[in-house]
Amino acid sequence: MTEPGTVLITGPTRNLGRHAVLAMAGRPEGQRPDLLLVGRAGRDLTAVADEARALGARVHEIGCDLADLADVRAAAAAARELLAGGAVRPLRALVANAGTMSADTRQASADGYELTFAVNYLAHAQLIGDLLGSFTAPARVVLIGSNTYHANFWRKLLHVPEAEWADPVELARPAPGEQAPGMTASGVAYSNAKLAILYYAHELQRHTDVNVSVFEPGWMPGTALGRGAPAAFQAMSRALGRVPGVSTPRRSGPLLAALALDDRWAHLRDGAFVVKDKLTEVQPVAHDRDRERRLWEATAELLERAGSPR
């Protein structure tokens, strides 16, 4: 078995991320990784770090607002310092778990980018790019995907539109101020971000020897992901979350931990798509060499622009 080393995970304070952290921290000695928890500094981050320590894990908290790319770059620098200084074991996995779905696509990140695209996609592209040189082989990057990138059964049932791809620079642009907010636009923005993650995973693998895979935790209604949604929508989601067989963070968190650590998944590369615990073929729309190449180029442009003086 590969020595577990260190796992860096974003969004560790609640739902899927929290349960993945506790699953990793609760592993037996010899299978338990050191943990770098990257999330908003404060009581919630401290609480999950303390829970993980109580289970026996060596944990470091790295405060970071993923809606601010300067903060993301600082978090990467902090991680590199801990790794270089021997405070933790070699970096074996990065789990890009954090995510959001803005209820208003007019909302912008600190860098002026549409918030859903900025947090779900751009922040992780920045973090991964800054840490690629810090991995020790064999190593993995696990991105969080979603079947919302295409018109699956639930989206058809709830009349939620699928992704509407455009040039990534356009996807990163907040909606005009006069546009009324709405869940349809928010749902499309979320789907676009998740399709971007699939394209990015394929292209990232062409630029690194680190194994890249994408995890779909299953539909988890009622989590904090849609906390900006109207109250009626949130109430419906909570009700659906009690339907037998629907995924929950408690069920899917350990599956995410396994994808990051278990030898069973060590061979996965090229953005392999794992739905809960099953390797699954993505729809044809998720493979597009031209879109993947353009996304890579546009991502570099957007991140460079964010790094320029404001």
Protein backbone atom coordinates (compact mmCIF):
# COMPACT_ATOMS: atom_id res chain seq x y z
CA MET A 1 0.00 0.00 0.00
CA THR A 2 1.24 3.51 -0.85
CA GLU A 3 2.23 5.58 2.16
CA PRO A 4 -0.71 8.00 2.59
CA GLY A 5 1.39 11.15 2.99
CA THR A 6 -0.59 14.39 3.10
CA VAL A 7 -3.98 15.25 1.63
CA LEU A 8 -4.97 18.87 1.02
CA ILE A 9 -8.73 19.40 0.85
CA THR A 10 -10.73 22.57 0.23
CA GLY A 11 -14.18 23.19 1.69
CA PRO A 12 -13.60 20.96 4.73
CA THR A 13 -15.99 22.55 7.21
CA ARG A 14 -19.38 21.11 6.27
CA ASN A 15 -21.33 18.52 4.30
CA LEU A 16 -19.29 16.43 1.83
CA GLY A 17 -15.93 17.96 2.77
CA ARG A 18 -16.39 17.53 6.50
CA HIS A 19 -17.39 13.88 6.19
CA ALA A 20 -14.48 13.20 3.84
CA VAL A 21 -12.08 14.79 6.36
CA LEU A 22 -13.44 12.71 9.24
CA ALA A 23 -13.31 9.54 7.14
CA MET A 24 -9.64 10.19 6.34
CA ALA A 25 -8.80 11.13 9.93
CA GLY A 26 -10.56 8.02 11.25
CA ARG A 27 -8.44 5.58 9.25
CA PRO A 28 -6.15 3.16 11.06
CA GLU A 29 -2.60 4.16 11.87
CA GLY A 30 -0.48 3.61 8.78
CA GLN A 31 -3.41 4.44 6.48
CA ARG A 32 -4.17 7.85 7.96
CA PRO A 33 -2.85 10.88 6.05
CA ASP A 34 -1.76 14.21 7.39
CA LEU A 35 -4.37 16.83 6.51
CA LEU A 36 -4.14 20.38 5.19
CA LEU A 37 -7.59 21.91 5.58
CA VAL A 38 -8.15 24.92 3.30
CA GLY A 39 -11.26 26.94 4.07
CA ARG A 40 -12.57 30.14 5.56
CA ALA A 41 -10.73 30.90 8.79
CA GLY A 42 -12.91 30.81 11.86
CA ARG A 43 -14.85 28.64 14.26
CA ASP A 44 -16.05 26.07 11.69
CA LEU A 45 -12.55 25.40 10.35
CA THR A 46 -11.16 25.07 13.87
CA ALA A 47 -13.99 22.74 14.86
CA VAL A 48 -13.46 20.23 12.05
CA ALA A 49 -9.68 20.39 12.55
CA ASP A 50 -10.17 19.57 16.25
CA GLU A 51 -12.50 16.68 15.37
CA ALA A 52 -9.90 15.27 13.00
CA ARG A 53 -7.14 15.65 15.60
CA ALA A 54 -9.28 13.82 18.15
CA LEU A 55 -9.35 10.89 15.71
CA GLY A 56 -5.57 10.85 15.59
CA ALA A 57 -4.75 12.88 12.49
CA ARG A 58 -2.02 15.49 12.21
CA VAL A 59 -3.86 18.57 10.93
CA HIS A 60 -2.98 22.08 9.79
CA GLU A 61 -5.59 24.76 9.10
CA ILE A 62 -5.02 27.16 6.20
CA GLY A 63 -7.47 30.04 6.20
CA CYS A 64 -8.59 30.97 2.70
CA ASP A 65 -11.47 32.71 0.97
CA LEU A 66 -11.75 30.92 -2.37
CA ALA A 67 -13.65 33.87 -3.81
CA ASP A 68 -10.39 35.85 -3.68
CA LEU A 69 -7.56 34.56 -5.85
CA ALA A 70 -4.95 36.47 -3.85
CA ASP A 71 -6.09 34.46 -0.83
CA VAL A 72 -5.83 31.25 -2.87
CA ARG A 73 -2.28 32.07 -3.87
CA ALA A 74 -1.42 32.78 -0.23
CA ALA A 75 -2.96 29.43 0.80
CA ALA A 76 -0.83 27.62 -1.77
CA ALA A 77 2.27 29.40 -0.47
CA ALA A 78 1.37 28.37 3.10
CA ALA A 79 0.95 24.75 2.01
CA ARG A 80 4.31 24.79 0.20
CA GLU A 81 5.99 26.14 3.33
CA LEU A 82 4.51 23.40 5.52
CA LEU A 83 5.56 20.73 3.02
CA ALA A 84 9.06 22.11 2.52
CA GLY A 85 9.61 22.53 6.26
CA GLY A 86 8.66 18.95 7.07
CA ALA A 87 5.65 19.92 9.18
CA VAL A 88 3.67 17.34 7.21
CA ARG A 89 4.53 14.33 5.06
CA PRO A 90 4.81 14.54 1.25
CA LEU A 91 1.76 15.75 -0.67
CA ARG A 92 -0.02 12.74 -2.18
CA ALA A 93 -3.47 14.13 -2.94
CA LEU A 94 -5.33 17.37 -3.48
CA VAL A 95 -9.12 17.21 -3.18
CA ALA A 96 -10.77 20.25 -4.80
CA ASN A 97 -14.01 19.88 -2.86
CA ALA A 98 -15.21 23.43 -2.15
CA GLY A 99 -18.16 24.65 -4.18
CA THR A 100 -21.00 27.11 -4.31
CA MET A 101 -24.04 27.99 -6.40
CA SER A 102 -24.80 31.68 -6.33
CA ALA A 103 -28.48 32.59 -6.39
CA ASP A 104 -27.64 35.66 -8.46
CA THR A 105 -25.25 35.46 -11.42
CA ARG A 106 -24.68 39.22 -11.08
CA GLN A 107 -22.59 38.49 -7.97
CA ALA A 108 -18.87 38.85 -8.50
CA SER A 109 -15.84 37.47 -6.72
CA ALA A 110 -13.16 39.74 -5.29
CA ASP A 111 -11.49 39.59 -8.70
CA GLY A 112 -14.63 40.59 -10.60
CA TYR A 113 -15.54 37.12 -11.90
CA GLU A 114 -18.96 35.47 -11.75
CA LEU A 115 -19.03 33.94 -8.29
CA THR A 116 -20.04 30.36 -9.11
CA PHE A 117 -17.42 30.03 -11.86
CA ALA A 118 -14.81 31.74 -9.69
CA VAL A 119 -15.18 29.50 -6.64
CA ASN A 120 -15.98 26.15 -8.25
CA TYR A 121 -13.48 26.37 -11.07
CA LEU A 122 -11.01 29.27 -11.14
CA ALA A 123 -9.96 29.07 -7.49
CA HIS A 124 -9.08 25.41 -7.83
CA ALA A 125 -7.25 25.93 -11.11
CA GLN A 126 -5.13 28.55 -9.32
CA LEU A 127 -4.50 26.31 -6.29
CA ILE A 128 -3.64 23.23 -8.33
CA GLY A 129 -1.39 25.17 -10.67
CA ASP A 130 0.50 26.66 -7.72
CA LEU A 131 0.99 23.23 -6.10
CA LEU A 132 1.77 20.97 -9.07
CA GLY A 133 5.47 21.15 -8.31
CA SER A 134 4.91 20.12 -4.69
CA PHE A 135 3.44 16.63 -5.23
CA THR A 136 5.40 13.47 -4.50
CA ALA A 137 4.59 10.54 -6.79
CA PRO A 138 2.38 8.61 -6.82
CA ALA A 139 -0.06 11.46 -6.38
CA ARG A 140 -3.65 12.36 -7.22
CA VAL A 141 -5.83 15.35 -7.90
CA VAL A 142 -9.52 14.73 -7.26
CA LEU A 143 -11.96 17.31 -8.63
CA ILE A 144 -15.64 17.45 -7.73
CA GLY A 145 -17.91 17.05 -10.72
CA SER A 146 -21.64 16.82 -11.17
CA ASN A 147 -24.02 15.12 -13.55
CA THR A 148 -25.64 18.54 -13.92
CA TYR A 149 -23.28 19.16 -16.85
CA HIS A 150 -25.89 17.45 -19.05
CA ALA A 151 -29.67 17.03 -19.06
CA ASN A 152 -29.94 14.07 -16.72
CA PHE A 153 -33.15 12.56 -15.32
CA TRP A 154 -33.53 14.85 -12.31
CA ARG A 155 -32.85 18.03 -14.27
CA LYS A 156 -35.48 17.06 -16.83
CA LEU A 157 -37.94 16.24 -14.05
CA LEU A 158 -37.39 19.61 -12.35
CA HIS A 159 -37.15 21.51 -15.67
CA VAL A 160 -33.64 22.74 -14.92
CA PRO A 161 -31.62 23.58 -18.05
CA GLU A 162 -28.27 21.97 -18.79
CA ALA A 163 -24.99 23.75 -19.39
CA GLU A 164 -24.89 26.47 -22.04
CA TRP A 165 -21.22 26.57 -22.97
CA ALA A 166 -19.59 29.78 -24.11
CA ASP A 167 -16.05 31.08 -24.27
CA PRO A 168 -14.63 30.82 -20.72
CA VAL A 169 -13.96 34.55 -20.58
CA GLU A 170 -17.69 35.06 -21.09
CA LEU A 171 -18.56 32.42 -18.48
CA ALA A 172 -16.37 34.30 -16.00
CA ARG A 173 -18.23 37.57 -16.60
CA PRO A 174 -21.02 38.41 -14.11
CA ALA A 175 -24.48 38.96 -15.60
CA PRO A 176 -25.37 42.56 -16.48
CA GLY A 177 -26.70 44.63 -13.61
CA GLU A 178 -30.12 45.00 -15.19
CA GLN A 179 -30.63 41.22 -15.44
CA ALA A 180 -33.06 39.89 -12.86
CA PRO A 181 -31.72 37.12 -10.61
CA GLY A 182 -33.19 33.66 -11.03
CA MET A 183 -32.56 30.00 -10.25
CA THR A 184 -32.52 29.12 -13.95
CA ALA A 185 -29.51 31.36 -14.62
CA SER A 186 -27.84 30.14 -11.43
CA GLY A 187 -28.41 26.52 -12.41
CA VAL A 188 -26.89 27.11 -15.84
CA ALA A 189 -23.88 28.85 -14.27
CA TYR A 190 -23.37 25.91 -11.91
CA SER A 191 -23.64 23.42 -14.78
CA ASN A 192 -21.17 25.45 -16.84
CA ALA A 193 -18.69 25.40 -13.96
CA LYS A 194 -19.05 21.63 -13.62
CA LEU A 195 -18.58 21.10 -17.36
CA ALA A 196 -15.49 23.31 -17.12
CA ILE A 197 -14.15 20.99 -14.41
CA LEU A 198 -14.46 17.99 -16.74
CA TYR A 199 -12.72 19.85 -19.58
CA TYR A 200 -10.03 21.05 -17.18
CA ALA A 201 -9.45 17.53 -15.82
CA HIS A 202 -8.78 16.20 -19.31
CA GLU A 203 -6.45 19.06 -20.21
CA LEU A 204 -4.69 19.07 -16.83
CA GLN A 205 -3.74 15.42 -17.34
CA ARG A 206 -1.98 16.43 -20.56
CA HIS A 207 0.21 18.81 -18.53
CA THR A 208 1.07 16.67 -15.49
CA ASP A 209 2.03 13.18 -14.35
CA VAL A 210 -0.21 13.51 -11.29
CA ASN A 211 -3.27 11.29 -11.73
CA VAL A 212 -6.44 13.33 -12.27
CA SER A 213 -9.97 12.08 -11.59
CA VAL A 214 -13.41 13.61 -11.07
CA PHE A 215 -15.82 12.56 -8.31
CA GLU A 216 -19.61 12.88 -8.51
CA PRO A 217 -21.03 12.36 -5.00
CA GLY A 218 -24.56 11.76 -6.20
CA TRP A 219 -27.45 14.15 -5.89
CA MET A 220 -27.45 15.60 -2.35
CA PRO A 221 -30.47 17.93 -1.99
CA GLY A 222 -30.71 19.97 1.17
CA THR A 223 -27.01 20.76 1.64
CA ALA A 224 -25.70 24.29 2.11
CA LEU A 225 -24.76 24.47 -1.58
CA GLY A 226 -28.04 26.20 -2.44
CA ARG A 227 -28.26 28.36 0.67
CA GLY A 228 -28.77 31.45 -1.46
CA ALA A 229 -31.80 29.94 -3.17
CA PRO A 230 -35.39 31.02 -2.39
CA ALA A 231 -36.85 29.57 0.81
CA ALA A 232 -39.39 27.44 -1.06
CA PHE A 233 -36.65 25.82 -3.15
CA GLN A 234 -34.58 25.12 -0.04
CA ALA A 235 -37.58 23.55 1.71
CA MET A 236 -38.24 21.29 -1.29
CA SER A 237 -34.58 20.28 -1.36
CA ARG A 238 -34.62 19.37 2.33
CA ALA A 239 -37.71 17.23 1.77
CA LEU A 240 -36.12 15.45 -1.19
CA GLY A 241 -33.02 14.86 0.91
CA ARG A 242 -35.08 12.51 3.10
CA VAL A 243 -36.08 10.28 0.19
CA PRO A 244 -34.56 6.78 0.62
CA GLY A 245 -31.59 6.16 -1.65
CA VAL A 246 -30.77 9.83 -2.22
CA SER A 247 -27.11 10.61 -1.54
CA THR A 248 -26.06 12.37 1.64
CA PRO A 249 -22.74 13.87 2.76
CA ARG A 250 -22.48 11.15 5.42
CA ARG A 251 -22.66 8.45 2.74
CA SER A 252 -20.61 10.16 0.03
CA GLY A 253 -17.86 11.70 2.19
CA PRO A 254 -16.12 8.36 2.87
CA LEU A 255 -16.35 7.52 -0.85
CA LEU A 256 -14.52 10.76 -1.67
CA ALA A 257 -11.88 9.92 0.95
CA ALA A 258 -11.45 6.49 -0.63
CA LEU A 259 -10.96 7.98 -4.10
CA ALA A 260 -8.16 10.16 -2.73
CA LEU A 261 -6.41 7.38 -0.83
CA ASP A 262 -7.34 3.80 -1.71
CA ASP A 263 -5.14 1.61 -3.90
CA ARG A 264 -8.33 0.55 -5.69
CA TRP A 265 -8.39 3.94 -7.42
CA ALA A 266 -4.63 4.48 -7.83
CA HIS A 267 -4.75 3.77 -11.59
CA LEU A 268 -7.33 6.46 -12.44
CA ARG A 269 -6.14 9.13 -14.87
CA ASP A 270 -7.34 11.41 -17.64
CA GLY A 271 -10.24 12.86 -15.67
CA ALA A 272 -11.86 9.48 -15.05
CA PHE A 273 -15.42 10.11 -13.79
CA VAL A 274 -16.45 8.24 -10.65
CA VAL A 275 -20.11 8.42 -9.60
CA LYS A 276 -20.13 7.54 -5.90
CA ASP A 277 -18.12 4.30 -6.15
CA LYS A 278 -18.54 3.39 -9.82
CA LEU A 279 -16.35 4.37 -12.75
CA THR A 280 -18.74 5.92 -15.30
CA GLU A 281 -18.40 7.06 -18.90
CA VAL A 282 -19.26 10.74 -19.37
CA GLN A 283 -21.55 12.02 -22.09
CA PRO A 284 -19.92 13.00 -25.42
CA VAL A 285 -20.34 16.72 -24.64
CA ALA A 286 -17.77 16.33 -21.85
CA HIS A 287 -15.01 15.48 -24.34
CA ASP A 288 -14.12 18.34 -26.66
CA ARG A 289 -10.45 18.89 -27.46
CA ASP A 290 -10.97 22.40 -28.81
CA ARG A 291 -12.97 23.51 -25.77
CA GLU A 292 -10.43 21.94 -23.43
CA ARG A 293 -7.53 23.72 -25.12
CA ARG A 294 -9.37 27.05 -25.12
CA LEU A 295 -10.36 26.66 -21.46
CA TRP A 296 -6.71 26.09 -20.53
CA GLU A 297 -5.64 29.20 -22.41
CA ALA A 298 -8.47 31.35 -21.06
CA THR A 299 -7.85 30.15 -17.52
CA ALA A 300 -4.25 31.35 -17.73
CA GLU A 301 -5.51 34.72 -19.00
CA LEU A 302 -8.10 35.07 -16.24
CA LEU A 303 -5.70 34.08 -13.46
CA GLU A 304 -2.99 36.37 -14.77
CA ARG A 305 -5.46 39.25 -14.94
CA ALA A 306 -6.48 38.58 -11.34
CA GLY A 307 -2.84 38.68 -10.29
CA SER A 308 -2.31 42.14 -11.77
CA PRO A 309 -2.53 45.22 -9.52
CA ARG A 310 -6.15 46.25 -8.99
